[in-house]
């Protein structure tokens, strides 16, 4: 949920800046991409800097936990950059949507078995509620990247 709150808050800030006259931010999809990019960049860096926080989230059926955490951090950072690079916006959006699908089993694992990691919520209710935000992240990526929704065939707006 914190991810969605961060993503939404930054998107609203970018959209508001556009409404206040920052011409390059007038496109709401660009504002959504900026919010999503910032959130994925933050989380991706966190995967690389504090991988131990993510070890407890890994389902037992996933092999090579440290390597997977490192790889997912790189994927999040690459997706964050790609969202704001017009040439790669659509593919980055699609890959981040697929990424959100791929990590869903780990989110289910956390909801069922709980999580005890310093700095993260301890309540299992939080992780059950968080499951319902995963589809929002997927749709957000696809819409912000111009893959779904009206005018999806047009190229995304240029970044700032």
N, C-alpha and C. Protein backbone atom coordinates (compact mmCIF):
# COMPACT_ATOMS: atom_id res chain seq x y z
N UNK A 1 0.82 -1.19 0.00
CA UNK A 1 0.00 0.00 0.00
C UNK A 1 0.86 1.25 0.00
N UNK A 2 1.98 1.20 0.71
CA UNK A 2 2.86 2.36 0.75
C UNK A 2 3.35 2.69 -0.66
N UNK A 3 3.61 1.66 -1.45
CA UNK A 3 4.05 1.87 -2.83
C UNK A 3 2.99 2.64 -3.61
N UNK A 4 1.74 2.24 -3.49
CA UNK A 4 0.64 2.88 -4.22
C UNK A 4 0.44 4.30 -3.71
N UNK A 5 0.57 4.50 -2.42
CA UNK A 5 0.43 5.86 -1.86
C UNK A 5 1.54 6.76 -2.40
N UNK A 6 2.78 6.26 -2.40
CA UNK A 6 3.90 7.04 -2.92
C UNK A 6 3.69 7.35 -4.40
N UNK A 7 3.34 6.35 -5.16
CA UNK A 7 3.12 6.50 -6.59
C UNK A 7 2.02 7.52 -6.86
N UNK A 8 0.93 7.42 -6.13
CA UNK A 8 -0.21 8.32 -6.32
C UNK A 8 0.14 9.75 -5.92
N UNK A 9 0.79 9.91 -4.79
CA UNK A 9 1.13 11.25 -4.30
C UNK A 9 2.05 11.97 -5.28
N UNK A 10 3.05 11.29 -5.79
CA UNK A 10 3.97 11.92 -6.73
C UNK A 10 3.26 12.22 -8.04
N UNK A 11 2.39 11.33 -8.49
CA UNK A 11 1.63 11.57 -9.71
C UNK A 11 0.72 12.79 -9.56
N UNK A 12 0.06 12.91 -8.42
CA UNK A 12 -0.81 14.07 -8.17
C UNK A 12 0.02 15.34 -8.14
N UNK A 13 1.18 15.28 -7.52
CA UNK A 13 2.06 16.45 -7.47
C UNK A 13 2.47 16.86 -8.89
N UNK A 14 2.87 15.88 -9.72
CA UNK A 14 3.29 16.18 -11.10
C UNK A 14 2.11 16.72 -11.91
N UNK A 15 0.94 16.12 -11.75
CA UNK A 15 -0.24 16.57 -12.48
C UNK A 15 -0.61 17.99 -12.05
N UNK A 16 -0.55 18.27 -10.75
CA UNK A 16 -0.85 19.61 -10.23
C UNK A 16 0.14 20.63 -10.78
N UNK A 17 1.41 20.26 -10.85
CA UNK A 17 2.41 21.16 -11.44
C UNK A 17 2.04 21.47 -12.88
N UNK A 18 1.55 20.48 -13.60
CA UNK A 18 1.11 20.70 -14.97
C UNK A 18 -0.06 21.66 -15.04
N UNK A 19 -1.00 21.50 -14.13
CA UNK A 19 -2.17 22.39 -14.10
C UNK A 19 -1.77 23.81 -13.72
N UNK A 20 -0.66 23.95 -13.00
CA UNK A 20 -0.19 25.27 -12.59
C UNK A 20 0.73 25.91 -13.62
N UNK A 21 0.92 25.23 -14.74
CA UNK A 21 1.65 25.87 -15.82
C UNK A 21 2.92 25.21 -16.30
N UNK A 22 3.35 24.14 -15.67
CA UNK A 22 4.52 23.43 -16.18
C UNK A 22 4.05 22.67 -17.41
N UNK A 23 4.30 23.25 -18.58
CA UNK A 23 3.71 22.76 -19.83
C UNK A 23 3.99 21.29 -20.09
N UNK A 24 5.18 20.83 -19.80
CA UNK A 24 5.52 19.45 -20.12
C UNK A 24 4.83 18.44 -19.20
N UNK A 25 4.20 18.90 -18.14
CA UNK A 25 3.53 17.99 -17.21
C UNK A 25 2.01 18.01 -17.35
N UNK A 26 1.48 18.59 -18.40
CA UNK A 26 0.03 18.68 -18.55
C UNK A 26 -0.62 17.36 -18.90
N UNK A 27 0.13 16.41 -19.40
CA UNK A 27 -0.40 15.11 -19.75
C UNK A 27 -0.54 14.25 -18.49
N UNK A 28 -1.76 13.79 -18.21
CA UNK A 28 -1.97 13.02 -16.98
C UNK A 28 -1.25 11.67 -17.03
N UNK A 29 -1.08 11.09 -18.21
CA UNK A 29 -0.34 9.83 -18.30
C UNK A 29 1.13 10.04 -17.93
N UNK A 30 1.69 11.16 -18.34
CA UNK A 30 3.06 11.46 -17.96
C UNK A 30 3.16 11.61 -16.44
N UNK A 31 2.21 12.30 -15.86
CA UNK A 31 2.20 12.45 -14.39
C UNK A 31 2.13 11.07 -13.73
N UNK A 32 1.32 10.18 -14.28
CA UNK A 32 1.21 8.82 -13.73
C UNK A 32 2.53 8.06 -13.89
N UNK A 33 3.19 8.25 -15.04
CA UNK A 33 4.48 7.58 -15.25
C UNK A 33 5.53 8.12 -14.29
N UNK A 34 5.52 9.41 -14.04
CA UNK A 34 6.48 10.01 -13.10
C UNK A 34 6.26 9.41 -11.72
N UNK A 35 5.01 9.31 -11.28
CA UNK A 35 4.72 8.73 -9.97
C UNK A 35 5.15 7.28 -9.88
N UNK A 36 4.82 6.51 -10.91
CA UNK A 36 5.19 5.09 -10.91
C UNK A 36 6.70 4.93 -10.99
N UNK A 37 7.34 5.75 -11.81
CA UNK A 37 8.78 5.68 -11.95
C UNK A 37 9.48 5.97 -10.62
N UNK A 38 9.06 7.00 -9.93
CA UNK A 38 9.67 7.35 -8.65
C UNK A 38 9.49 6.23 -7.63
N UNK A 39 8.30 5.65 -7.59
CA UNK A 39 8.04 4.57 -6.63
C UNK A 39 8.89 3.33 -6.95
N UNK A 40 8.95 2.94 -8.21
CA UNK A 40 9.76 1.78 -8.58
C UNK A 40 11.26 2.05 -8.40
N UNK A 41 11.68 3.26 -8.66
CA UNK A 41 13.10 3.60 -8.45
C UNK A 41 13.45 3.47 -6.96
N UNK A 42 12.59 3.99 -6.11
CA UNK A 42 12.82 3.91 -4.66
C UNK A 42 12.88 2.45 -4.20
N UNK A 43 11.91 1.66 -4.62
CA UNK A 43 11.85 0.26 -4.18
C UNK A 43 13.00 -0.54 -4.80
N UNK A 44 13.33 -0.26 -6.04
CA UNK A 44 14.43 -0.97 -6.69
C UNK A 44 15.75 -0.72 -5.99
N UNK A 45 16.01 0.52 -5.65
CA UNK A 45 17.24 0.85 -4.91
C UNK A 45 17.22 0.17 -3.54
N UNK A 46 16.06 0.15 -2.91
CA UNK A 46 15.95 -0.50 -1.60
C UNK A 46 16.26 -2.00 -1.70
N UNK A 47 15.84 -2.64 -2.79
CA UNK A 47 16.18 -4.05 -2.99
C UNK A 47 17.69 -4.26 -3.01
N UNK A 48 18.41 -3.32 -3.63
CA UNK A 48 19.86 -3.46 -3.76
C UNK A 48 20.59 -3.09 -2.47
N UNK A 49 20.06 -2.11 -1.74
CA UNK A 49 20.73 -1.60 -0.54
C UNK A 49 20.42 -2.45 0.69
N UNK A 50 19.18 -2.89 0.83
CA UNK A 50 18.79 -3.68 2.01
C UNK A 50 18.09 -4.97 1.57
N UNK A 51 18.80 -5.86 0.89
CA UNK A 51 18.16 -7.08 0.39
C UNK A 51 17.64 -7.99 1.50
N UNK A 52 18.21 -7.89 2.69
CA UNK A 52 17.78 -8.75 3.79
C UNK A 52 16.32 -8.51 4.16
N UNK A 53 15.81 -7.30 3.91
CA UNK A 53 14.40 -7.01 4.19
C UNK A 53 13.48 -7.86 3.32
N UNK A 54 13.95 -8.24 2.17
CA UNK A 54 13.12 -8.95 1.20
C UNK A 54 13.24 -10.47 1.30
N UNK A 55 14.23 -10.94 2.03
CA UNK A 55 14.41 -12.39 2.16
C UNK A 55 13.19 -13.07 2.78
N UNK A 56 12.61 -12.44 3.79
CA UNK A 56 11.44 -13.01 4.46
C UNK A 56 10.21 -13.04 3.55
N UNK A 57 10.22 -12.23 2.52
CA UNK A 57 9.07 -12.18 1.61
C UNK A 57 9.10 -13.29 0.57
N UNK A 58 10.23 -13.93 0.42
CA UNK A 58 10.40 -14.91 -0.65
C UNK A 58 9.71 -16.22 -0.33
N UNK A 59 8.82 -16.68 -1.21
CA UNK A 59 8.19 -17.99 -1.01
C UNK A 59 9.25 -19.09 -1.11
N UNK A 60 9.08 -20.18 -0.37
CA UNK A 60 10.09 -21.24 -0.38
C UNK A 60 10.30 -21.89 -1.74
N UNK A 61 9.30 -21.86 -2.61
CA UNK A 61 9.44 -22.51 -3.91
C UNK A 61 10.31 -21.71 -4.89
N UNK A 62 10.65 -20.46 -4.55
CA UNK A 62 11.50 -19.65 -5.41
C UNK A 62 12.96 -19.92 -5.02
N UNK A 63 13.78 -20.36 -5.97
CA UNK A 63 15.19 -20.64 -5.65
C UNK A 63 16.03 -19.36 -5.67
N UNK A 64 17.23 -19.46 -5.12
CA UNK A 64 18.23 -18.40 -5.20
C UNK A 64 17.71 -17.05 -4.70
N UNK A 65 17.23 -17.03 -3.48
CA UNK A 65 16.60 -15.82 -2.94
C UNK A 65 17.44 -14.56 -3.09
N UNK A 66 18.70 -14.53 -2.65
CA UNK A 66 19.47 -13.27 -2.79
C UNK A 66 19.61 -12.82 -4.24
N UNK A 67 19.82 -13.77 -5.12
CA UNK A 67 19.98 -13.43 -6.53
C UNK A 67 18.68 -12.90 -7.13
N UNK A 68 17.57 -13.50 -6.75
CA UNK A 68 16.27 -13.04 -7.25
C UNK A 68 15.98 -11.64 -6.74
N UNK A 69 16.29 -11.38 -5.49
CA UNK A 69 16.07 -10.04 -4.93
C UNK A 69 16.92 -9.00 -5.67
N UNK A 70 18.17 -9.33 -5.93
CA UNK A 70 19.05 -8.43 -6.68
C UNK A 70 18.48 -8.19 -8.09
N UNK A 71 18.09 -9.26 -8.75
CA UNK A 71 17.55 -9.15 -10.11
C UNK A 71 16.26 -8.33 -10.13
N UNK A 72 15.37 -8.55 -9.16
CA UNK A 72 14.12 -7.79 -9.16
C UNK A 72 14.39 -6.31 -8.90
N UNK A 73 15.38 -6.01 -8.07
CA UNK A 73 15.75 -4.61 -7.87
C UNK A 73 16.21 -3.97 -9.17
N UNK A 74 17.04 -4.68 -9.93
CA UNK A 74 17.49 -4.17 -11.22
C UNK A 74 16.32 -3.99 -12.19
N UNK A 75 15.38 -4.93 -12.16
CA UNK A 75 14.19 -4.82 -13.03
C UNK A 75 13.37 -3.59 -12.67
N UNK A 76 13.20 -3.34 -11.38
CA UNK A 76 12.43 -2.17 -10.95
C UNK A 76 13.10 -0.87 -11.38
N UNK A 77 14.42 -0.81 -11.24
CA UNK A 77 15.15 0.39 -11.64
C UNK A 77 15.08 0.58 -13.16
N UNK A 78 15.30 -0.50 -13.91
CA UNK A 78 15.22 -0.42 -15.37
C UNK A 78 13.83 0.02 -15.81
N UNK A 79 12.79 -0.53 -15.19
CA UNK A 79 11.42 -0.13 -15.52
C UNK A 79 11.16 1.33 -15.20
N UNK A 80 11.68 1.79 -14.07
CA UNK A 80 11.51 3.19 -13.67
C UNK A 80 12.13 4.13 -14.69
N UNK A 81 13.33 3.81 -15.13
CA UNK A 81 14.01 4.63 -16.14
C UNK A 81 13.27 4.55 -17.47
N UNK A 82 12.89 3.34 -17.86
CA UNK A 82 12.22 3.14 -19.13
C UNK A 82 10.89 3.88 -19.25
N UNK A 83 10.17 4.00 -18.15
CA UNK A 83 8.89 4.71 -18.19
C UNK A 83 9.05 6.16 -18.64
N UNK A 84 10.19 6.75 -18.33
CA UNK A 84 10.40 8.17 -18.64
C UNK A 84 11.23 8.39 -19.89
N UNK A 85 11.65 7.34 -20.53
CA UNK A 85 12.43 7.42 -21.76
C UNK A 85 11.48 7.07 -22.89
N UNK A 86 11.04 8.07 -23.69
CA UNK A 86 9.98 7.85 -24.67
C UNK A 86 10.16 6.63 -25.57
N UNK A 87 11.37 6.35 -25.96
CA UNK A 87 11.61 5.20 -26.83
C UNK A 87 11.23 3.87 -26.16
N UNK A 88 11.31 3.83 -24.83
CA UNK A 88 11.09 2.59 -24.09
C UNK A 88 9.84 2.60 -23.21
N UNK A 89 9.07 3.66 -23.26
CA UNK A 89 7.93 3.81 -22.35
C UNK A 89 6.97 2.63 -22.42
N UNK A 90 6.55 2.28 -23.60
CA UNK A 90 5.54 1.22 -23.75
C UNK A 90 6.08 -0.13 -23.28
N UNK A 91 7.29 -0.48 -23.68
CA UNK A 91 7.84 -1.78 -23.25
C UNK A 91 8.10 -1.79 -21.75
N UNK A 92 8.56 -0.67 -21.20
CA UNK A 92 8.78 -0.60 -19.75
C UNK A 92 7.47 -0.76 -19.00
N UNK A 93 6.42 -0.12 -19.50
CA UNK A 93 5.10 -0.23 -18.86
C UNK A 93 4.61 -1.67 -18.90
N UNK A 94 4.75 -2.30 -20.05
CA UNK A 94 4.32 -3.69 -20.18
C UNK A 94 5.14 -4.60 -19.26
N UNK A 95 6.44 -4.41 -19.22
CA UNK A 95 7.29 -5.25 -18.38
C UNK A 95 7.01 -5.03 -16.89
N UNK A 96 6.73 -3.80 -16.49
CA UNK A 96 6.40 -3.55 -15.08
C UNK A 96 5.05 -4.18 -14.73
N UNK A 97 4.11 -4.17 -15.66
CA UNK A 97 2.83 -4.83 -15.41
C UNK A 97 3.05 -6.33 -15.24
N UNK A 98 3.86 -6.92 -16.11
CA UNK A 98 4.18 -8.35 -15.99
C UNK A 98 4.95 -8.63 -14.70
N UNK A 99 5.82 -7.72 -14.33
CA UNK A 99 6.57 -7.85 -13.08
C UNK A 99 5.60 -7.89 -11.89
N UNK A 100 4.61 -7.01 -11.91
CA UNK A 100 3.63 -6.98 -10.82
C UNK A 100 2.85 -8.30 -10.75
N UNK A 101 2.61 -8.92 -11.89
CA UNK A 101 1.97 -10.24 -11.91
C UNK A 101 2.93 -11.28 -11.33
N UNK A 102 4.20 -11.20 -11.72
CA UNK A 102 5.19 -12.20 -11.30
C UNK A 102 5.45 -12.18 -9.79
N UNK A 103 5.37 -11.02 -9.16
CA UNK A 103 5.64 -10.96 -7.71
C UNK A 103 4.39 -11.21 -6.88
N UNK A 104 3.25 -11.37 -7.53
CA UNK A 104 2.01 -11.60 -6.80
C UNK A 104 2.06 -12.83 -5.89
N UNK A 105 2.68 -13.94 -6.32
CA UNK A 105 2.78 -15.09 -5.40
C UNK A 105 3.52 -14.76 -4.11
N UNK A 106 4.53 -13.92 -4.17
CA UNK A 106 5.23 -13.52 -2.95
C UNK A 106 4.29 -12.71 -2.05
N UNK A 107 3.45 -11.87 -2.65
CA UNK A 107 2.48 -11.11 -1.85
C UNK A 107 1.45 -12.02 -1.20
N UNK A 108 1.02 -13.06 -1.92
CA UNK A 108 0.09 -14.04 -1.35
C UNK A 108 0.78 -14.77 -0.19
N UNK A 109 2.02 -15.15 -0.39
CA UNK A 109 2.80 -15.83 0.65
C UNK A 109 2.86 -14.97 1.92
N UNK A 110 3.11 -13.67 1.75
CA UNK A 110 3.18 -12.76 2.90
C UNK A 110 1.83 -12.66 3.60
N UNK A 111 0.76 -12.63 2.83
CA UNK A 111 -0.57 -12.53 3.44
C UNK A 111 -0.91 -13.79 4.23
N UNK A 112 -0.56 -14.94 3.70
CA UNK A 112 -0.90 -16.21 4.37
C UNK A 112 -0.02 -16.45 5.60
N UNK A 113 1.28 -16.25 5.44
CA UNK A 113 2.22 -16.62 6.50
C UNK A 113 2.70 -15.45 7.35
N UNK A 114 2.31 -14.23 7.00
CA UNK A 114 2.74 -13.08 7.76
C UNK A 114 4.17 -12.71 7.44
N UNK A 115 4.61 -11.66 8.07
CA UNK A 115 5.94 -11.16 7.80
C UNK A 115 6.46 -10.49 9.06
N UNK A 116 7.68 -10.78 9.39
CA UNK A 116 8.29 -10.16 10.57
C UNK A 116 9.63 -9.57 10.16
N UNK A 117 9.59 -8.37 9.63
CA UNK A 117 10.78 -7.67 9.18
C UNK A 117 10.76 -6.27 9.75
N UNK A 118 11.86 -5.87 10.37
CA UNK A 118 11.94 -4.53 10.94
C UNK A 118 11.75 -3.49 9.83
N UNK A 119 10.92 -2.50 10.13
CA UNK A 119 10.66 -1.45 9.17
C UNK A 119 9.48 -1.72 8.25
N UNK A 120 8.90 -2.90 8.35
CA UNK A 120 7.73 -3.23 7.54
C UNK A 120 6.56 -3.55 8.47
N UNK A 121 5.33 -3.34 8.00
CA UNK A 121 4.17 -3.64 8.83
C UNK A 121 4.16 -5.10 9.29
N UNK A 122 3.72 -5.33 10.50
CA UNK A 122 3.67 -6.67 11.07
C UNK A 122 2.29 -7.30 10.95
N UNK A 123 1.28 -6.49 10.73
CA UNK A 123 -0.10 -6.97 10.68
C UNK A 123 -0.37 -7.77 9.41
N UNK A 124 -0.93 -8.98 9.56
CA UNK A 124 -1.28 -9.77 8.39
C UNK A 124 -2.41 -9.11 7.61
N UNK A 125 -3.23 -8.33 8.28
CA UNK A 125 -4.32 -7.61 7.61
C UNK A 125 -3.76 -6.68 6.53
N UNK A 126 -2.65 -6.02 6.84
CA UNK A 126 -2.00 -5.13 5.87
C UNK A 126 -1.69 -5.90 4.59
N UNK A 127 -1.13 -7.11 4.72
CA UNK A 127 -0.72 -7.88 3.55
C UNK A 127 -1.91 -8.45 2.78
N UNK A 128 -3.01 -8.72 3.48
CA UNK A 128 -4.23 -9.14 2.77
C UNK A 128 -4.82 -7.97 1.99
N UNK A 129 -4.86 -6.80 2.59
CA UNK A 129 -5.37 -5.61 1.89
C UNK A 129 -4.48 -5.28 0.70
N UNK A 130 -3.18 -5.43 0.90
CA UNK A 130 -2.21 -5.11 -0.15
C UNK A 130 -2.44 -5.92 -1.43
N UNK A 131 -2.97 -7.12 -1.29
CA UNK A 131 -3.25 -7.95 -2.47
C UNK A 131 -4.19 -7.26 -3.45
N UNK A 132 -5.13 -6.49 -2.93
CA UNK A 132 -6.11 -5.83 -3.78
C UNK A 132 -5.53 -4.65 -4.54
N UNK A 133 -4.35 -4.19 -4.15
CA UNK A 133 -3.71 -3.08 -4.85
C UNK A 133 -2.88 -3.55 -6.04
N UNK A 134 -2.56 -4.83 -6.09
CA UNK A 134 -1.74 -5.35 -7.18
C UNK A 134 -2.39 -5.13 -8.55
N UNK A 135 -3.69 -5.42 -8.71
CA UNK A 135 -4.32 -5.13 -10.01
C UNK A 135 -4.26 -3.63 -10.37
N UNK A 136 -4.35 -2.76 -9.37
CA UNK A 136 -4.25 -1.32 -9.62
C UNK A 136 -2.88 -0.98 -10.20
N UNK A 137 -1.83 -1.56 -9.65
CA UNK A 137 -0.48 -1.31 -10.16
C UNK A 137 -0.36 -1.78 -11.61
N UNK A 138 -0.94 -2.92 -11.91
CA UNK A 138 -0.89 -3.47 -13.27
C UNK A 138 -1.62 -2.55 -14.24
N UNK A 139 -2.83 -2.17 -13.91
CA UNK A 139 -3.63 -1.30 -14.78
C UNK A 139 -2.96 0.07 -14.90
N UNK A 140 -2.43 0.58 -13.80
CA UNK A 140 -1.74 1.88 -13.80
C UNK A 140 -0.60 1.85 -14.83
N UNK A 141 0.23 0.81 -14.76
CA UNK A 141 1.37 0.70 -15.68
C UNK A 141 0.89 0.66 -17.13
N UNK A 142 -0.12 -0.16 -17.40
CA UNK A 142 -0.61 -0.30 -18.77
C UNK A 142 -1.25 0.98 -19.29
N UNK A 143 -1.99 1.66 -18.43
CA UNK A 143 -2.65 2.90 -18.85
C UNK A 143 -1.62 4.03 -18.99
N UNK A 144 -0.78 4.20 -18.01
CA UNK A 144 0.22 5.28 -18.06
C UNK A 144 1.17 5.10 -19.23
N UNK A 145 1.45 3.87 -19.57
CA UNK A 145 2.34 3.59 -20.69
C UNK A 145 1.66 3.65 -22.04
N UNK A 146 0.36 3.92 -22.07
CA UNK A 146 -0.35 4.06 -23.33
C UNK A 146 -0.72 2.74 -23.98
N UNK A 147 -0.69 1.66 -23.23
CA UNK A 147 -1.00 0.35 -23.78
C UNK A 147 -2.50 0.10 -23.79
N UNK A 148 -3.18 0.59 -22.77
CA UNK A 148 -4.64 0.48 -22.71
C UNK A 148 -5.23 1.87 -22.56
N UNK A 149 -6.49 1.97 -22.83
CA UNK A 149 -7.20 3.24 -22.67
C UNK A 149 -7.26 4.02 -23.96
N UNK A 150 -8.03 5.05 -23.95
CA UNK A 150 -8.21 5.90 -25.12
C UNK A 150 -6.87 6.47 -25.57
N UNK A 151 -6.66 6.55 -26.85
CA UNK A 151 -5.43 7.06 -27.46
C UNK A 151 -4.23 6.16 -27.17
N UNK A 152 -4.48 4.86 -26.92
CA UNK A 152 -3.38 3.96 -26.60
C UNK A 152 -2.43 3.75 -27.77
N UNK A 153 -2.86 4.05 -28.99
CA UNK A 153 -1.99 3.82 -30.15
C UNK A 153 -1.01 4.98 -30.35
N UNK A 154 -1.24 6.10 -29.68
CA UNK A 154 -0.34 7.23 -29.87
C UNK A 154 0.89 7.09 -29.00
N UNK A 155 1.93 7.76 -29.40
CA UNK A 155 3.18 7.72 -28.63
C UNK A 155 2.99 8.50 -27.34
N UNK A 156 3.62 8.04 -26.26
CA UNK A 156 3.52 8.76 -25.00
C UNK A 156 4.17 10.14 -25.10
N UNK A 157 3.73 11.04 -24.24
CA UNK A 157 4.28 12.38 -24.20
C UNK A 157 5.75 12.35 -23.84
N UNK A 158 6.43 13.38 -24.26
CA UNK A 158 7.84 13.51 -23.92
C UNK A 158 7.97 13.81 -22.43
N UNK A 159 8.99 13.27 -21.78
CA UNK A 159 9.18 13.57 -20.36
C UNK A 159 9.70 14.98 -20.17
N UNK A 160 9.81 15.36 -18.92
CA UNK A 160 10.20 16.70 -18.53
C UNK A 160 11.42 17.15 -19.24
